[in-house]
Amino acid sequence: MVAAAAVVLTAAAGCGVDGGDRGGAPDDDVDAGSAPMADEPAETPVADPADEPVVTSLDWQGHRGARGLRPENTLPGFELALDLGVDTLELDLHWAADDVVVVWHDPVVEPTLCSGEGVSMPIRQLTSTQLRALRCDRNPDPGRFPEQAAQPGTLAGDDWGIVGLAELFGFVAGYAGSEAKTPEQRANAETVRFNVETKRKPDDPGAIGDGFDGETAGPFERAIIAAIGDAGLTDRVSIQSFDHRSLWAVRAETPAIDLVALTGGGVPDFAELARRGAGTWSPDQRSVTDAAVSAAHGAGLLVVPWTVNDPAAMDRLIELGVDGIITDRPDLQPSGS
């Protein structure tokens, strides 16, 4: 299961952005969940108390780094999220033409986000070197993200390329040893978690382009697992997906990595998710009710909703007993805190 760490909330509330996302948030595909849905759990599963998730504090996750403040899935954005003391860096993974796992959300390099050679082309048709050379410093929606600014980071500088997963792991390790950061920031970076999403789609098995058969881990999953192991981060990484087949394929390869089942509307069969190996349910925040939280906890699952950018919505979810929050604005704090 995801180990929730102490949440660090450093900025004043009152700067809230719309609590929604453009159709969803880590994925933006609200209909992408692959588990059966229901309006409410019919019955709270009976679970051994020893299986109940034990959480001592809230897991504060920076969505795509700090998307409400810096361009998404970029080194300056991840650096700012670390500066703000997030417990977890949430990010997305795709598969480059040279079979490198890269940190990006969309299957195509959109001109609303990036400039350079390769814009408007699919990620799978570009090498990691070509993706690294792009400049992805654009704000696709200033109305929704008025505070987003392409400001260089102290360590990342003016580097807005699409990076590989291994490079991001190295960047965070470098941050943890940098004298440019405070002792508290360095200590947090030494333990920060990574919540990485495989961008497979249940309705498009060929989306990643690695020949995934829907059951056996594809080269994409195996490369993710290898990158995590090479960095020595198995105990600090969770893998999430809307395509739950990707999660079960990971579990067949290794039981050591935490799994997070993303869903859109409604609630899934919590007992089945737990039986298959998930430790966390990560729903659209609009799916979170008292009954759903109780049922998920009863099945031994943590509950970490996405993507919550409004302090009042944060208050509601915390009151319901969620175990973490994914937010574009890790500088905000719940209004009641």
C-alpha atoms as a PDB file:
ATOM      1  CA  MET A   1       0.000   0.000   0.000  1.00  0.00           C
ATOM      2  CA  VAL A   2       0.972   3.624  -0.367  1.00  0.00           C
ATOM      3  CA  ALA A   3       2.726   4.804   2.767  1.00  0.00           C
ATOM      4  CA  ALA A   4       1.232   8.176   3.616  1.00  0.00           C
ATOM      5  CA  ALA A   5       3.759  10.639   4.992  1.00  0.00           C
ATOM      6  CA  ALA A   6       3.282  13.903   6.833  1.00  0.00           C
ATOM      7  CA  VAL A   7       1.742  16.530   4.579  1.00  0.00           C
ATOM      8  CA  VAL A   8       3.544  19.864   4.325  1.00  0.00           C
ATOM      9  CA  LEU A   9       1.279  22.811   3.502  1.00  0.00           C
ATOM     10  CA  THR A  10       3.291  25.963   3.184  1.00  0.00           C
ATOM     11  CA  ALA A  11       1.136  28.574   1.506  1.00  0.00           C
ATOM     12  CA  ALA A  12      -1.976  30.362   2.663  1.00  0.00           C
ATOM     13  CA  ALA A  13      -5.368  29.308   1.392  1.00  0.00           C
ATOM     14  CA  GLY A  14      -7.703  31.600  -0.477  1.00  0.00           C
ATOM     15  CA  CYS A  15      -6.039  31.176  -3.881  1.00  0.00           C
ATOM     16  CA  GLY A  16      -8.218  28.277  -4.943  1.00  0.00           C
ATOM     17  CA  VAL A  17      -8.641  27.224  -8.529  1.00  0.00           C
ATOM     18  CA  ASP A  18     -11.652  25.363  -9.885  1.00  0.00           C
ATOM     19  CA  GLY A  19     -11.642  21.978  -8.161  1.00  0.00           C
ATOM     20  CA  GLY A  20     -12.291  20.125 -11.411  1.00  0.00           C
ATOM     21  CA  ASP A  21      -9.916  19.025 -14.156  1.00  0.00           C
ATOM     22  CA  ARG A  22     -10.245  19.017 -17.925  1.00  0.00           C
ATOM     23  CA  GLY A  23     -12.358  15.883 -17.919  1.00  0.00           C
ATOM     24  CA  GLY A  24     -10.294  14.168 -15.259  1.00  0.00           C
ATOM     25  CA  ALA A  25      -6.984  14.344 -13.580  1.00  0.00           C
ATOM     26  CA  PRO A  26      -4.214  12.191 -13.454  1.00  0.00           C
ATOM     27  CA  ASP A  27      -5.521  10.933 -16.803  1.00  0.00           C
ATOM     28  CA  ASP A  28      -8.129  13.481 -17.944  1.00  0.00           C
ATOM     29  CA  ASP A  29     -10.165  10.484 -19.191  1.00  0.00           C
ATOM     30  CA  VAL A  30     -13.049  10.213 -16.755  1.00  0.00           C
ATOM     31  CA  ASP A  31     -14.495   7.215 -18.547  1.00  0.00           C
ATOM     32  CA  ALA A  32     -11.218   5.308 -18.605  1.00  0.00           C
ATOM     33  CA  GLY A  33     -11.728   3.077 -15.580  1.00  0.00           C
ATOM     34  CA  SER A  34     -11.736  -0.626 -16.314  1.00  0.00           C
ATOM     35  CA  ALA A  35     -13.409  -2.022 -13.204  1.00  0.00           C
ATOM     36  CA  PRO A  36     -17.188  -2.559 -12.967  1.00  0.00           C
ATOM     37  CA  MET A  37     -18.932   0.490 -11.538  1.00  0.00           C
ATOM     38  CA  ALA A  38     -21.874   1.057  -9.256  1.00  0.00           C
ATOM     39  CA  ASP A  39     -23.505   4.157  -7.819  1.00  0.00           C
ATOM     40  CA  GLU A  40     -22.825   3.146  -4.215  1.00  0.00           C
ATOM     41  CA  PRO A  41     -21.201   0.128  -2.622  1.00  0.00           C
ATOM     42  CA  ALA A  42     -24.009  -2.244  -1.786  1.00  0.00           C
ATOM     43  CA  GLU A  43     -22.314  -3.521   1.317  1.00  0.00           C
ATOM     44  CA  THR A  44     -19.155  -2.766   3.239  1.00  0.00           C
ATOM     45  CA  PRO A  45     -16.899  -5.813   2.864  1.00  0.00           C
ATOM     46  CA  VAL A  46     -16.111  -7.661   6.063  1.00  0.00           C
ATOM     47  CA  ALA A  47     -12.360  -7.461   6.615  1.00  0.00           C
ATOM     48  CA  ASP A  48      -9.936  -8.574   9.250  1.00  0.00           C
ATOM     49  CA  PRO A  49      -8.974  -5.484  11.310  1.00  0.00           C
ATOM     50  CA  ALA A  50      -5.350  -6.351  10.639  1.00  0.00           C
ATOM     51  CA  ASP A  51      -5.997  -5.716   6.937  1.00  0.00           C
ATOM     52  CA  GLU A  52      -7.323  -2.201   7.481  1.00  0.00           C
ATOM     53  CA  PRO A  53      -4.991   0.485   6.067  1.00  0.00           C
ATOM     54  CA  VAL A  54      -3.102   2.304   8.794  1.00  0.00           C
ATOM     55  CA  VAL A  55      -2.610   5.994   8.002  1.00  0.00           C
ATOM     56  CA  THR A  56      -1.148   8.521  10.392  1.00  0.00           C
ATOM     57  CA  SER A  57      -1.337  11.601   8.148  1.00  0.00           C
ATOM     58  CA  LEU A  58      -2.352  12.833   4.715  1.00  0.00           C
ATOM     59  CA  ASP A  59      -0.405  11.925   1.566  1.00  0.00           C
ATOM     60  CA  TRP A  60      -0.061  15.239  -0.300  1.00  0.00           C
ATOM     61  CA  GLN A  61       0.603  14.548  -4.002  1.00  0.00           C
ATOM     62  CA  GLY A  62       1.772  17.110  -6.552  1.00  0.00           C
ATOM     63  CA  HIS A  63      -0.140  16.381  -9.760  1.00  0.00           C
ATOM     64  CA  ARG A  64       2.210  16.278 -12.756  1.00  0.00           C
ATOM     65  CA  GLY A  65       4.638  18.055 -10.443  1.00  0.00           C
ATOM     66  CA  ALA A  66       2.810  21.277  -9.668  1.00  0.00           C
ATOM     67  CA  ARG A  67       0.669  21.826 -12.764  1.00  0.00           C
ATOM     68  CA  GLY A  68      -1.173  24.815 -11.361  1.00  0.00           C
ATOM     69  CA  LEU A  69       2.122  26.656 -10.852  1.00  0.00           C
ATOM     70  CA  ARG A  70       4.596  25.332 -13.441  1.00  0.00           C
ATOM     71  CA  PRO A  71       4.269  23.574 -16.819  1.00  0.00           C
ATOM     72  CA  GLU A  72       3.297  19.954 -16.260  1.00  0.00           C
ATOM     73  CA  ASN A  73       5.646  16.970 -16.026  1.00  0.00           C
ATOM     74  CA  THR A  74       8.779  19.136 -16.291  1.00  0.00           C
ATOM     75  CA  LEU A  75      11.884  19.279 -14.122  1.00  0.00           C
ATOM     76  CA  PRO A  76      11.162  22.864 -12.948  1.00  0.00           C
ATOM     77  CA  GLY A  77       7.648  21.722 -11.991  1.00  0.00           C
ATOM     78  CA  PHE A  78       8.921  18.745 -10.024  1.00  0.00           C
ATOM     79  CA  GLU A  79      11.516  20.948  -8.363  1.00  0.00           C
ATOM     80  CA  LEU A  80       8.848  23.382  -7.196  1.00  0.00           C
ATOM     81  CA  ALA A  81       6.722  20.519  -5.868  1.00  0.00           C
ATOM     82  CA  LEU A  82       9.718  19.341  -3.860  1.00  0.00           C
ATOM     83  CA  ASP A  83      10.338  22.909  -2.642  1.00  0.00           C
ATOM     84  CA  LEU A  84       6.762  22.929  -1.347  1.00  0.00           C
ATOM     85  CA  GLY A  85       7.305  19.677   0.536  1.00  0.00           C
ATOM     86  CA  VAL A  86       4.962  17.267  -1.230  1.00  0.00           C
ATOM     87  CA  ASP A  87       4.913  13.703   0.059  1.00  0.00           C
ATOM     88  CA  THR A  88       4.510  12.255  -3.437  1.00  0.00           C
ATOM     89  CA  LEU A  89       5.327  13.328  -6.983  1.00  0.00           C
ATOM     90  CA  GLU A  90       2.484  12.207  -9.278  1.00  0.00           C
ATOM     91  CA  LEU A  91       3.432  11.802 -12.944  1.00  0.00           C
ATOM     92  CA  ASP A  92       2.614  10.097 -16.231  1.00  0.00           C
ATOM     93  CA  LEU A  93       4.604   7.654 -18.354  1.00  0.00           C
ATOM     94  CA  HIS A  94       4.803   6.993 -22.090  1.00  0.00           C
ATOM     95  CA  TRP A  95       7.039   4.911 -24.356  1.00  0.00           C
ATOM     96  CA  ALA A  96       9.454   6.617 -26.773  1.00  0.00           C
ATOM     97  CA  ALA A  97      10.534   5.307 -30.181  1.00  0.00           C
ATOM     98  CA  ASP A  98      13.838   4.038 -28.749  1.00  0.00           C
ATOM     99  CA  ASP A  99      11.993   2.092 -26.024  1.00  0.00           C
ATOM    100  CA  VAL A 100      12.736   4.556 -23.237  1.00  0.00           C
ATOM    101  CA  VAL A 101      10.125   5.300 -20.556  1.00  0.00           C
ATOM    102  CA  VAL A 102       9.457   9.042 -20.637  1.00  0.00           C
ATOM    103  CA  VAL A 103       7.522  11.355 -18.338  1.00  0.00           C
ATOM    104  CA  TRP A 104       4.584  12.806 -20.255  1.00  0.00           C
ATOM    105  CA  HIS A 105       0.789  12.714 -20.164  1.00  0.00           C
ATOM    106  CA  ASP A 106      -0.506  12.963 -23.734  1.00  0.00           C
ATOM    107  CA  PRO A 107       0.112  10.391 -26.494  1.00  0.00           C
ATOM    108  CA  VAL A 108       0.919  13.244 -28.890  1.00  0.00           C
ATOM    109  CA  VAL A 109       3.238  16.219 -28.359  1.00  0.00           C
ATOM    110  CA  GLU A 110       0.663  18.993 -28.376  1.00  0.00           C
ATOM    111  CA  PRO A 111       1.626  22.491 -29.630  1.00  0.00           C
ATOM    112  CA  THR A 112      -0.387  23.958 -26.760  1.00  0.00           C
ATOM    113  CA  LEU A 113       2.292  22.546 -24.439  1.00  0.00           C
ATOM    114  CA  CYS A 114       5.505  22.301 -26.442  1.00  0.00           C
ATOM    115  CA  SER A 115       7.541  23.839 -29.236  1.00  0.00           C
ATOM    116  CA  GLY A 116      10.348  22.394 -31.320  1.00  0.00           C
ATOM    117  CA  GLU A 117      10.906  19.673 -33.900  1.00  0.00           C
ATOM    118  CA  GLY A 118       8.438  16.853 -33.342  1.00  0.00           C
ATOM    119  CA  VAL A 119       5.445  18.876 -32.195  1.00  0.00           C
ATOM    120  CA  SER A 120       2.105  17.278 -33.179  1.00  0.00           C
ATOM    121  CA  MET A 121       3.768  13.876 -33.523  1.00  0.00           C
ATOM    122  CA  PRO A 122       2.992  10.830 -31.361  1.00  0.00           C
ATOM    123  CA  ILE A 123       5.358  10.179 -28.471  1.00  0.00           C
ATOM    124  CA  ARG A 124       5.928   6.655 -29.786  1.00  0.00           C
ATOM    125  CA  GLN A 125       7.320   8.056 -33.053  1.00  0.00           C
ATOM    126  CA  LEU A 126       9.936  10.247 -31.351  1.00  0.00           C
ATOM    127  CA  THR A 127      13.131   9.100 -29.644  1.00  0.00           C
ATOM    128  CA  SER A 128      13.931  10.089 -26.089  1.00  0.00           C
ATOM    129  CA  THR A 129      16.656  12.364 -27.485  1.00  0.00           C
ATOM    130  CA  GLN A 130      14.150  14.161 -29.721  1.00  0.00           C
ATOM    131  CA  LEU A 131      11.694  14.487 -26.829  1.00  0.00           C
ATOM    132  CA  ARG A 132      14.437  15.791 -24.554  1.00  0.00           C
ATOM    133  CA  ALA A 133      15.182  18.574 -27.068  1.00  0.00           C
ATOM    134  CA  LEU A 134      11.625  19.966 -27.003  1.00  0.00           C
ATOM    135  CA  ARG A 135      10.667  23.043 -25.019  1.00  0.00           C
ATOM    136  CA  CYS A 136       7.455  22.238 -23.119  1.00  0.00           C
ATOM    137  CA  ASP A 137       6.953  25.485 -21.230  1.00  0.00           C
ATOM    138  CA  ARG A 138       3.502  26.521 -22.485  1.00  0.00           C
ATOM    139  CA  ASN A 139       0.301  26.900 -20.499  1.00  0.00           C
ATOM    140  CA  PRO A 140      -2.513  25.119 -22.385  1.00  0.00           C
ATOM    141  CA  ASP A 141      -5.282  26.812 -20.402  1.00  0.00           C
ATOM    142  CA  PRO A 142      -4.440  30.139 -18.724  1.00  0.00           C
ATOM    143  CA  GLY A 143      -8.069  30.481 -17.625  1.00  0.00           C
ATOM    144  CA  ARG A 144      -7.805  27.324 -15.508  1.00  0.00           C
ATOM    145  CA  PHE A 145      -4.170  27.797 -14.505  1.00  0.00           C
ATOM    146  CA  PRO A 146      -3.723  31.565 -14.082  1.00  0.00           C
ATOM    147  CA  GLU A 147      -0.858  31.046 -11.615  1.00  0.00           C
ATOM    148  CA  GLN A 148       1.166  28.789 -13.928  1.00  0.00           C
ATOM    149  CA  ALA A 149       4.439  30.428 -14.981  1.00  0.00           C
ATOM    150  CA  ALA A 150       7.458  29.083 -16.854  1.00  0.00           C
ATOM    151  CA  GLN A 151       9.937  30.207 -14.220  1.00  0.00           C
ATOM    152  CA  PRO A 152      13.302  28.398 -14.137  1.00  0.00           C
ATOM    153  CA  GLY A 153      14.183  26.280 -11.134  1.00  0.00           C
ATOM    154  CA  THR A 154      17.282  26.703  -8.999  1.00  0.00           C
ATOM    155  CA  LEU A 155      18.494  23.242 -10.014  1.00  0.00           C
ATOM    156  CA  ALA A 156      16.469  22.537 -13.166  1.00  0.00           C
ATOM    157  CA  GLY A 157      17.169  25.938 -14.635  1.00  0.00           C
ATOM    158  CA  ASP A 158      15.387  26.750 -17.886  1.00  0.00           C
ATOM    159  CA  ASP A 159      15.150  23.078 -18.862  1.00  0.00           C
ATOM    160  CA  TRP A 160      11.705  22.242 -20.251  1.00  0.00           C
ATOM    161  CA  GLY A 161      12.412  19.063 -22.206  1.00  0.00           C
ATOM    162  CA  ILE A 162      10.504  15.782 -21.836  1.00  0.00           C
ATOM    163  CA  VAL A 163      12.680  13.659 -19.564  1.00  0.00           C
ATOM    164  CA  GLY A 164      13.042   9.937 -19.043  1.00  0.00           C
ATOM    165  CA  LEU A 165      11.849   8.288 -15.841  1.00  0.00           C
ATOM    166  CA  ALA A 166      15.423   7.358 -14.904  1.00  0.00           C
ATOM    167  CA  GLU A 167      16.511  10.989 -15.352  1.00  0.00           C
ATOM    168  CA  LEU A 168      13.746  12.194 -13.054  1.00  0.00           C
ATOM    169  CA  PHE A 169      14.812   9.708 -10.390  1.00  0.00           C
ATOM    170  CA  GLY A 170      18.374  11.036 -10.733  1.00  0.00           C
ATOM    171  CA  PHE A 171      17.212  14.636 -10.524  1.00  0.00           C
ATOM    172  CA  VAL A 172      15.387  13.994  -7.241  1.00  0.00           C
ATOM    173  CA  ALA A 173      18.460  12.233  -5.843  1.00  0.00           C
ATOM    174  CA  GLY A 174      20.545  15.244  -6.821  1.00  0.00           C
ATOM    175  CA  TYR A 175      18.039  17.577  -5.172  1.00  0.00           C
ATOM    176  CA  ALA A 176      18.351  15.586  -1.943  1.00  0.00           C
ATOM    177  CA  GLY A 177      22.087  16.294  -1.887  1.00  0.00           C
ATOM    178  CA  SER A 178      22.026  19.915  -3.037  1.00  0.00           C
ATOM    179  CA  GLU A 179      23.328  22.652  -0.748  1.00  0.00           C
ATOM    180  CA  ALA A 180      21.032  25.029  -2.661  1.00  0.00           C
ATOM    181  CA  LYS A 181      18.070  23.563  -0.740  1.00  0.00           C
ATOM    182  CA  THR A 182      17.213  23.770   2.939  1.00  0.00           C
ATOM    183  CA  PRO A 183      17.924  20.833   5.255  1.00  0.00           C
ATOM    184  CA  GLU A 184      14.167  20.217   5.481  1.00  0.00           C
ATOM    185  CA  GLN A 185      13.771  20.188   1.696  1.00  0.00           C
ATOM    186  CA  ARG A 186      16.713  17.833   1.241  1.00  0.00           C
ATOM    187  CA  ALA A 187      15.410  15.473   3.926  1.00  0.00           C
ATOM    188  CA  ASN A 188      11.969  15.389   2.297  1.00  0.00           C
ATOM    189  CA  ALA A 189      13.471  14.653  -1.132  1.00  0.00           C
ATOM    190  CA  GLU A 190      15.302  11.678   0.371  1.00  0.00           C
ATOM    191  CA  THR A 191      11.977  10.054   1.248  1.00  0.00           C
ATOM    192  CA  VAL A 192       9.545  11.525  -1.300  1.00  0.00           C
ATOM    193  CA  ARG A 193       7.403   8.934  -3.082  1.00  0.00           C
ATOM    194  CA  PHE A 194       6.636   8.645  -6.787  1.00  0.00           C
ATOM    195  CA  ASN A 195       3.142   7.775  -8.049  1.00  0.00           C
ATOM    196  CA  VAL A 196       3.673   6.883 -11.721  1.00  0.00           C
ATOM    197  CA  GLU A 197       0.889   6.246 -14.184  1.00  0.00           C
ATOM    198  CA  THR A 198       1.044   3.867 -17.121  1.00  0.00           C
ATOM    199  CA  LYS A 199      -0.830   5.664 -19.879  1.00  0.00           C
ATOM    200  CA  ARG A 200      -2.502   2.584 -21.270  1.00  0.00           C
ATOM    201  CA  LYS A 201      -6.142   2.834 -22.275  1.00  0.00           C
ATOM    202  CA  PRO A 202      -8.653   0.007 -21.740  1.00  0.00           C
ATOM    203  CA  ASP A 203     -10.387   0.810 -25.032  1.00  0.00           C
ATOM    204  CA  ASP A 204      -7.154   1.092 -27.052  1.00  0.00           C
ATOM    205  CA  PRO A 205      -4.748  -1.799 -26.352  1.00  0.00           C
ATOM    206  CA  GLY A 206      -2.276  -0.499 -28.937  1.00  0.00           C
ATOM    207  CA  ALA A 207      -2.011   2.973 -27.423  1.00  0.00           C
ATOM    208  CA  ILE A 208       1.511   2.567 -26.032  1.00  0.00           C
ATOM    209  CA  GLY A 209       2.751   0.653 -29.066  1.00  0.00           C
ATOM    210  CA  ASP A 210       4.640  -2.172 -27.368  1.00  0.00           C
ATOM    211  CA  GLY A 211       2.441  -5.129 -28.329  1.00  0.00           C
ATOM    212  CA  PHE A 212       0.694  -5.431 -24.944  1.00  0.00           C
ATOM    213  CA  ASP A 213      -1.667  -8.419 -24.968  1.00  0.00           C
ATOM    214  CA  GLY A 214      -3.776  -7.264 -22.021  1.00  0.00           C
ATOM    215  CA  GLU A 215      -2.464  -9.956 -19.686  1.00  0.00           C
ATOM    216  CA  THR A 216       1.305 -10.359 -19.717  1.00  0.00           C
ATOM    217  CA  ALA A 217       3.459  -7.367 -18.815  1.00  0.00           C
ATOM    218  CA  GLY A 218       4.616  -5.656 -21.986  1.00  0.00           C
ATOM    219  CA  PRO A 219       8.077  -4.192 -22.602  1.00  0.00           C
ATOM    220  CA  PHE A 220       6.668  -0.902 -21.268  1.00  0.00           C
ATOM    221  CA  GLU A 221       5.776  -2.318 -17.837  1.00  0.00           C
ATOM    222  CA  ARG A 222       9.008  -4.292 -17.666  1.00  0.00           C
ATOM    223  CA  ALA A 223      11.058  -1.179 -18.451  1.00  0.00           C
ATOM    224  CA  ILE A 224       9.241   0.766 -15.721  1.00  0.00           C
ATOM    225  CA  ILE A 225       9.905  -1.992 -13.203  1.00  0.00           C
ATOM    226  CA  ALA A 226      13.571  -2.086 -14.247  1.00  0.00           C
ATOM    227  CA  ALA A 227      13.991   1.687 -13.909  1.00  0.00           C
ATOM    228  CA  ILE A 228      12.475   1.581 -10.432  1.00  0.00           C
ATOM    229  CA  GLY A 229      14.731  -1.284  -9.396  1.00  0.00           C
ATOM    230  CA  ASP A 230      17.871   0.285 -10.892  1.00  0.00           C
ATOM    231  CA  ALA A 231      17.218   3.452  -8.877  1.00  0.00           C
ATOM    232  CA  GLY A 232      16.676   1.449  -5.689  1.00  0.00           C
ATOM    233  CA  LEU A 233      13.207   2.955  -5.277  1.00  0.00           C
ATOM    234  CA  THR A 234      10.963  -0.093  -5.115  1.00  0.00           C
ATOM    235  CA  ASP A 235       9.727   0.864  -1.647  1.00  0.00           C
ATOM    236  CA  ARG A 236       9.035   4.483  -2.690  1.00  0.00           C
ATOM    237  CA  VAL A 237       7.124   4.005  -5.947  1.00  0.00           C
ATOM    238  CA  SER A 238       3.520   3.122  -6.686  1.00  0.00           C
ATOM    239  CA  ILE A 239       2.222   2.333 -10.173  1.00  0.00           C
ATOM    240  CA  GLN A 240      -1.248   3.586 -11.064  1.00  0.00           C
ATOM    241  CA  SER A 241      -3.425   3.128 -14.120  1.00  0.00           C
ATOM    242  CA  PHE A 242      -6.954   3.470 -15.436  1.00  0.00           C
ATOM    243  CA  ASP A 243      -6.228   0.300 -17.390  1.00  0.00           C
ATOM    244  CA  HIS A 244      -6.229  -2.177 -14.527  1.00  0.00           C
ATOM    245  CA  ARG A 245      -4.839  -4.872 -16.819  1.00  0.00           C
ATOM    246  CA  SER A 246      -1.555  -2.979 -16.672  1.00  0.00           C
ATOM    247  CA  LEU A 247      -1.607  -3.176 -12.874  1.00  0.00           C
ATOM    248  CA  TRP A 248      -2.279  -6.898 -12.792  1.00  0.00           C
ATOM    249  CA  ALA A 249       0.502  -7.439 -15.335  1.00  0.00           C
ATOM    250  CA  VAL A 250       2.894  -5.560 -13.038  1.00  0.00           C
ATOM    251  CA  ARG A 251       1.765  -7.655 -10.082  1.00  0.00           C
ATOM    252  CA  ALA A 252       2.517 -10.836 -12.024  1.00  0.00           C
ATOM    253  CA  GLU A 253       6.070  -9.553 -12.570  1.00  0.00           C
ATOM    254  CA  THR A 254       6.692  -8.367  -9.019  1.00  0.00           C
ATOM    255  CA  PRO A 255       4.650  -8.213  -5.816  1.00  0.00           C
ATOM    256  CA  ALA A 256       6.957  -5.580  -4.335  1.00  0.00           C
ATOM    257  CA  ILE A 257       5.553  -2.453  -6.017  1.00  0.00           C
ATOM    258  CA  ASP A 258       2.408  -0.777  -4.698  1.00  0.00           C
ATOM    259  CA  LEU A 259      -0.531  -0.624  -7.112  1.00  0.00           C
ATOM    260  CA  VAL A 260      -3.117   2.160  -7.413  1.00  0.00           C
ATOM    261  CA  ALA A 261      -6.410   1.585  -9.239  1.00  0.00           C
ATOM    262  CA  LEU A 262      -7.569   4.796 -10.930  1.00  0.00           C
ATOM    263  CA  THR A 263     -11.275   5.151 -11.713  1.00  0.00           C
ATOM    264  CA  GLY A 264     -13.570   7.716 -13.261  1.00  0.00           C
ATOM    265  CA  GLY A 265     -17.223   7.873 -12.239  1.00  0.00           C
ATOM    266  CA  GLY A 266     -18.873   5.572  -9.726  1.00  0.00           C
ATOM    267  CA  VAL A 267     -17.155   3.053  -7.478  1.00  0.00           C
ATOM    268  CA  PRO A 268     -15.534  -0.276  -8.342  1.00  0.00           C
ATOM    269  CA  ASP A 269     -15.657  -3.659  -6.681  1.00  0.00           C
ATOM    270  CA  PHE A 270     -13.260  -2.897  -3.824  1.00  0.00           C
ATOM    271  CA  ALA A 271     -12.877  -6.491  -2.712  1.00  0.00           C
ATOM    272  CA  GLU A 272     -11.884  -7.498  -6.238  1.00  0.00           C
ATOM    273  CA  LEU A 273      -9.335  -4.688  -6.510  1.00  0.00           C
ATOM    274  CA  ALA A 274      -7.780  -5.746  -3.214  1.00  0.00           C
ATOM    275  CA  ARG A 275      -7.834  -9.411  -4.228  1.00  0.00           C
ATOM    276  CA  ARG A 276      -5.977  -8.604  -7.449  1.00  0.00           C
ATOM    277  CA  GLY A 277      -3.280  -6.707  -5.558  1.00  0.00           C
ATOM    278  CA  ALA A 278      -4.248  -3.016  -5.477  1.00  0.00           C
ATOM    279  CA  GLY A 279      -3.491  -1.165  -2.260  1.00  0.00           C
ATOM    280  CA  THR A 280      -5.125   2.159  -3.160  1.00  0.00           C
ATOM    281  CA  TRP A 281      -8.308   3.353  -4.855  1.00  0.00           C
ATOM    282  CA  SER A 282      -7.743   6.683  -6.624  1.00  0.00           C
ATOM    283  CA  PRO A 283     -11.102   8.058  -7.795  1.00  0.00           C
ATOM    284  CA  ASP A 284     -12.403  11.211  -9.391  1.00  0.00           C
ATOM    285  CA  GLN A 285     -13.088  13.374  -6.347  1.00  0.00           C
ATOM    286  CA  ARG A 286     -16.771  13.511  -7.317  1.00  0.00           C
ATOM    287  CA  SER A 287     -17.047   9.770  -6.642  1.00  0.00           C
ATOM    288  CA  VAL A 288     -15.975  10.096  -3.017  1.00  0.00           C
ATOM    289  CA  THR A 289     -18.755   9.611  -0.474  1.00  0.00           C
ATOM    290  CA  ASP A 290     -18.739   8.517   3.141  1.00  0.00           C
ATOM    291  CA  ALA A 291     -20.087   5.111   2.110  1.00  0.00           C
ATOM    292  CA  ALA A 292     -17.441   4.674  -0.595  1.00  0.00           C
ATOM    293  CA  VAL A 293     -14.587   5.592   1.745  1.00  0.00           C
ATOM    294  CA  SER A 294     -15.885   3.198   4.400  1.00  0.00           C
ATOM    295  CA  ALA A 295     -16.260   0.387   1.862  1.00  0.00           C
ATOM    296  CA  ALA A 296     -12.782   0.946   0.411  1.00  0.00           C
ATOM    297  CA  HIS A 297     -11.225   1.010   3.868  1.00  0.00           C
ATOM    298  CA  GLY A 298     -13.174  -2.101   4.780  1.00  0.00           C
ATOM    299  CA  ALA A 299     -11.540  -3.876   1.859  1.00  0.00           C
ATOM    300  CA  GLY A 300      -8.112  -2.748   3.029  1.00  0.00           C
ATOM    301  CA  LEU A 301      -7.666   0.005   0.416  1.00  0.00           C
ATOM    302  CA  LEU A 302      -6.394   3.528   0.899  1.00  0.00           C
ATOM    303  CA  VAL A 303      -8.383   6.321  -0.805  1.00  0.00           C
ATOM    304  CA  VAL A 304      -6.528   9.089  -2.678  1.00  0.00           C
ATOM    305  CA  PRO A 305      -8.830  11.193  -4.928  1.00  0.00           C
ATOM    306  CA  TRP A 306      -7.826  13.321  -7.895  1.00  0.00           C
ATOM    307  CA  THR A 307      -7.491  16.266  -8.762  1.00  0.00           C
ATOM    308  CA  VAL A 308      -8.457  18.621  -5.940  1.00  0.00           C
ATOM    309  CA  ASN A 309      -7.573  22.295  -6.329  1.00  0.00           C
ATOM    310  CA  ASP A 310     -10.127  23.973  -4.083  1.00  0.00           C
ATOM    311  CA  PRO A 311      -9.509  24.273  -0.306  1.00  0.00           C
ATOM    312  CA  ALA A 312     -13.194  23.754   0.496  1.00  0.00           C
ATOM    313  CA  ALA A 313     -13.204  20.522  -1.517  1.00  0.00           C
ATOM    314  CA  MET A 314     -10.057  19.467   0.321  1.00  0.00           C
ATOM    315  CA  ASP A 315     -11.867  20.059   3.616  1.00  0.00           C
ATOM    316  CA  ARG A 316     -14.807  17.914   2.513  1.00  0.00           C
ATOM    317  CA  LEU A 317     -12.617  15.024   1.455  1.00  0.00           C
ATOM    318  CA  ILE A 318     -10.480  15.138   4.592  1.00  0.00           C
ATOM    319  CA  GLU A 319     -13.652  15.120   6.679  1.00  0.00           C
ATOM    320  CA  LEU A 320     -14.746  11.988   4.794  1.00  0.00           C
ATOM    321  CA  GLY A 321     -11.504  10.306   5.803  1.00  0.00           C
ATOM    322  CA  VAL A 322      -9.466  10.126   2.592  1.00  0.00           C
ATOM    323  CA  ASP A 323      -5.841   9.098   2.962  1.00  0.00           C
ATOM    324  CA  GLY A 324      -4.345  11.513   0.486  1.00  0.00           C
ATOM    325  CA  ILE A 325      -5.089  14.201  -2.083  1.00  0.00           C
ATOM    326  CA  ILE A 326      -3.723  14.719  -5.593  1.00  0.00           C
ATOM    327  CA  THR A 327      -3.590  18.424  -6.443  1.00  0.00           C
ATOM    328  CA  ASP A 328      -2.307  20.795  -9.130  1.00  0.00           C
ATOM    329  CA  ARG A 329      -1.768  23.344  -6.348  1.00  0.00           C
ATOM    330  CA  PRO A 330       0.480  21.862  -3.657  1.00  0.00           C
ATOM    331  CA  ASP A 331       0.975  25.399  -2.327  1.00  0.00           C
ATOM    332  CA  LEU A 332      -2.611  25.515  -1.079  1.00  0.00           C
ATOM    333  CA  GLN A 333      -3.938  24.213   2.195  1.00  0.00           C
ATOM    334  CA  PRO A 334      -7.442  23.181   3.237  1.00  0.00           C
ATOM    335  CA  SER A 335      -9.422  26.243   4.369  1.00  0.00           C
ATOM    336  CA  GLY A 336     -10.153  24.671   7.735  1.00  0.00           C
ATOM    337  CA  SER A 337      -6.520  23.997   8.596  1.00  0.00           C
END
